[in-house]
Amino acid sequence: MTNLNFDADTIWLFWLALSVIFFLIELFTPTFITVFFAAGALIAGGAALLEFSITSQVITFVVASITLLILLRKKMPKIFSQDAEQNKAEEDTSVNANATVVEAISSTAAGRIKYQGTFWNAESTEDIPSGAIVRIVSRKESDPNTFIVIKD
């Protein structure tokens, strides 16, 4: 069998480099798989700094990578990439806010509302006279500067 001679003081650099390589692969293939191997390599690098044997380091790498993969694989995408529509709704503080109609809105033509001191285009499925208070339901998908409103 071949005898591999590794410098115990620098083997952690190998694990760090391997971790960086796995992380770069993850950047180009966002599958949330190789990131666990990157973490496993960092943990194995820690084992190298603690002067574990090469065999123990490799076992640490494999066990840590697979354990992290099994435990966190389904949770990571939920943490880092939420549904785009959900993000819009969370960021849009205008949803469910009240506004005042300044130009009558009909079911066939847009009108204007005043919301937070600014005038906006607004559409509705019902006729709403000028001066009425409306509730903002959403933004129009094709024109984010137009609100969809209902009579409050």
Protein backbone atom coordinates (compact mmCIF):
# COMPACT_ATOMS: atom_id res chain seq x y z
CA MET A 1 0.00 0.00 0.00
CA THR A 2 1.19 3.50 -0.75
CA ASN A 3 2.29 5.59 2.19
CA LEU A 4 0.92 9.12 1.87
CA ASN A 5 2.96 11.74 3.69
CA PHE A 6 0.97 14.82 4.56
CA ASP A 7 2.29 17.75 6.51
CA ALA A 8 0.05 17.86 9.57
CA ASP A 9 0.48 21.64 9.83
CA THR A 10 -0.93 22.39 6.38
CA ILE A 11 -3.47 19.62 5.68
CA TRP A 12 -6.21 21.97 6.89
CA LEU A 13 -5.41 24.15 3.85
CA PHE A 14 -6.35 21.22 1.62
CA TRP A 15 -9.72 20.98 3.36
CA LEU A 16 -10.23 24.74 3.10
CA ALA A 17 -9.40 24.67 -0.62
CA LEU A 18 -11.76 21.73 -1.11
CA SER A 19 -14.48 23.66 0.72
CA VAL A 20 -13.98 26.68 -1.54
CA ILE A 21 -14.14 24.46 -4.63
CA PHE A 22 -17.41 22.87 -3.46
CA PHE A 23 -18.81 26.32 -2.67
CA LEU A 24 -17.89 27.64 -6.13
CA ILE A 25 -19.55 24.61 -7.72
CA GLU A 26 -22.66 25.42 -5.68
CA LEU A 27 -22.66 28.98 -7.01
CA PHE A 28 -22.80 27.71 -10.59
CA THR A 29 -25.24 24.86 -9.89
CA PRO A 30 -27.68 26.12 -7.24
CA THR A 31 -28.95 22.70 -6.21
CA PHE A 32 -28.22 22.98 -2.48
CA ILE A 33 -26.17 19.79 -2.51
CA THR A 34 -22.51 20.70 -2.88
CA VAL A 35 -22.84 23.35 -0.17
CA PHE A 36 -23.12 20.50 2.33
CA PHE A 37 -19.88 19.01 1.07
CA ALA A 38 -18.29 22.45 1.44
CA ALA A 39 -19.44 22.52 5.06
CA GLY A 40 -18.20 18.96 5.56
CA ALA A 41 -14.79 19.96 4.22
CA LEU A 42 -14.66 22.88 6.67
CA ILE A 43 -15.50 20.53 9.53
CA ALA A 44 -12.81 18.10 8.35
CA GLY A 45 -10.41 21.06 8.24
CA GLY A 46 -11.26 21.68 11.87
CA ALA A 47 -10.45 18.04 12.58
CA ALA A 48 -7.10 18.57 10.81
CA LEU A 49 -6.36 21.57 13.03
CA LEU A 50 -7.11 19.38 16.04
CA GLU A 51 -4.51 16.96 14.62
CA PHE A 52 -6.87 14.07 13.88
CA SER A 53 -5.46 11.36 11.62
CA ILE A 54 -6.08 11.51 7.88
CA THR A 55 -8.47 8.59 8.16
CA SER A 56 -10.43 10.38 10.89
CA GLN A 57 -10.53 13.55 8.81
CA VAL A 58 -11.94 11.71 5.80
CA ILE A 59 -14.53 9.95 7.97
CA THR A 60 -15.41 13.32 9.55
CA PHE A 61 -15.84 14.83 6.08
CA VAL A 62 -18.10 12.03 4.84
CA VAL A 63 -20.22 11.79 8.00
CA ALA A 64 -20.60 15.57 8.39
CA SER A 65 -21.47 16.08 4.71
CA ILE A 66 -24.06 13.31 4.60
CA THR A 67 -25.56 14.27 7.97
CA LEU A 68 -25.92 17.91 6.95
CA LEU A 69 -27.35 16.87 3.60
CA ILE A 70 -29.98 14.66 5.21
CA LEU A 71 -30.92 17.11 7.96
CA LEU A 72 -30.89 20.41 6.06
CA ARG A 73 -31.51 19.65 2.36
CA LYS A 74 -35.23 20.39 2.44
CA LYS A 75 -34.94 23.38 4.77
CA MET A 76 -32.24 25.32 2.89
CA PRO A 77 -34.28 26.27 -0.21
CA LYS A 78 -37.10 27.51 2.02
CA ILE A 79 -34.69 29.69 3.96
CA PHE A 80 -32.82 31.16 0.99
CA SER A 81 -35.34 31.29 -1.85
CA GLN A 82 -38.89 32.08 -0.92
CA ASP A 83 -41.63 32.36 -3.48
CA ALA A 84 -41.25 35.60 -5.45
CA GLU A 85 -44.92 36.47 -5.08
CA GLN A 86 -44.71 35.97 -1.33
CA ASN A 87 -41.70 38.31 -1.20
CA LYS A 88 -43.61 40.98 -3.14
CA ALA A 89 -46.59 40.74 -0.81
CA GLU A 90 -44.36 40.93 2.26
CA GLU A 91 -42.47 43.94 0.94
CA ASP A 92 -45.54 45.79 -0.34
CA THR A 93 -46.82 47.71 2.67
CA SER A 94 -49.60 49.23 0.60
CA VAL A 95 -51.63 46.00 0.54
CA ASN A 96 -54.63 46.30 2.90
CA ALA A 97 -53.98 50.02 3.38
CA ASN A 98 -56.75 52.60 2.94
CA ALA A 99 -56.74 55.31 0.29
CA THR A 100 -59.09 58.04 -0.90
CA VAL A 101 -60.56 58.11 -4.39
CA VAL A 102 -59.83 61.46 -6.04
CA GLU A 103 -61.03 60.55 -9.53
CA ALA A 104 -64.01 58.19 -9.82
CA ILE A 105 -63.23 54.58 -10.65
CA SER A 106 -65.55 52.54 -12.81
CA SER A 107 -65.53 48.85 -13.57
CA THR A 108 -64.49 49.69 -17.15
CA ALA A 109 -62.07 52.59 -16.61
CA ALA A 110 -59.28 53.34 -14.19
CA GLY A 111 -59.48 56.23 -11.77
CA ARG A 112 -57.08 57.87 -9.34
CA ILE A 113 -56.52 57.44 -5.61
CA LYS A 114 -54.50 59.34 -3.05
CA TYR A 115 -52.32 57.08 -0.93
CA GLN A 116 -49.69 58.41 1.48
CA GLY A 117 -49.83 61.86 -0.08
CA THR A 118 -49.23 60.58 -3.62
CA PHE A 119 -51.68 60.07 -6.47
CA TRP A 120 -51.89 56.62 -8.06
CA ASN A 121 -53.87 54.97 -10.83
CA ALA A 122 -56.47 52.54 -9.51
CA GLU A 123 -58.77 49.91 -10.94
CA SER A 124 -61.71 48.05 -9.47
CA THR A 125 -64.40 45.59 -10.50
CA GLU A 126 -67.06 47.97 -9.13
CA ASP A 127 -67.94 51.64 -9.62
CA ILE A 128 -66.50 53.81 -6.85
CA PRO A 129 -67.28 57.55 -6.63
CA SER A 130 -64.78 60.30 -5.89
CA GLY A 131 -64.27 60.88 -2.17
CA ALA A 132 -64.88 57.24 -1.19
CA ILE A 133 -62.45 55.35 1.03
CA VAL A 134 -61.06 52.21 -0.59
CA ARG A 135 -58.81 49.37 0.51
CA ILE A 136 -55.82 48.45 -1.64
CA VAL A 137 -55.95 44.76 -2.50
CA SER A 138 -52.86 44.43 -4.71
CA ARG A 139 -50.86 45.99 -7.49
CA LYS A 140 -51.71 45.37 -11.11
CA GLU A 141 -49.29 42.75 -12.44
CA SER A 142 -48.75 44.46 -15.79
CA ASP A 143 -48.36 47.93 -14.20
CA PRO A 144 -47.02 48.10 -10.64
CA ASN A 145 -47.97 51.80 -10.48
CA THR A 146 -51.66 50.87 -10.64
CA PHE A 147 -53.45 49.58 -7.55
CA ILE A 148 -56.38 47.18 -7.50
CA VAL A 149 -58.87 48.46 -4.92
CA ILE A 150 -62.20 47.59 -3.37
CA LYS A 151 -64.73 49.81 -1.63
CA ASP A 152 -64.09 49.79 2.10
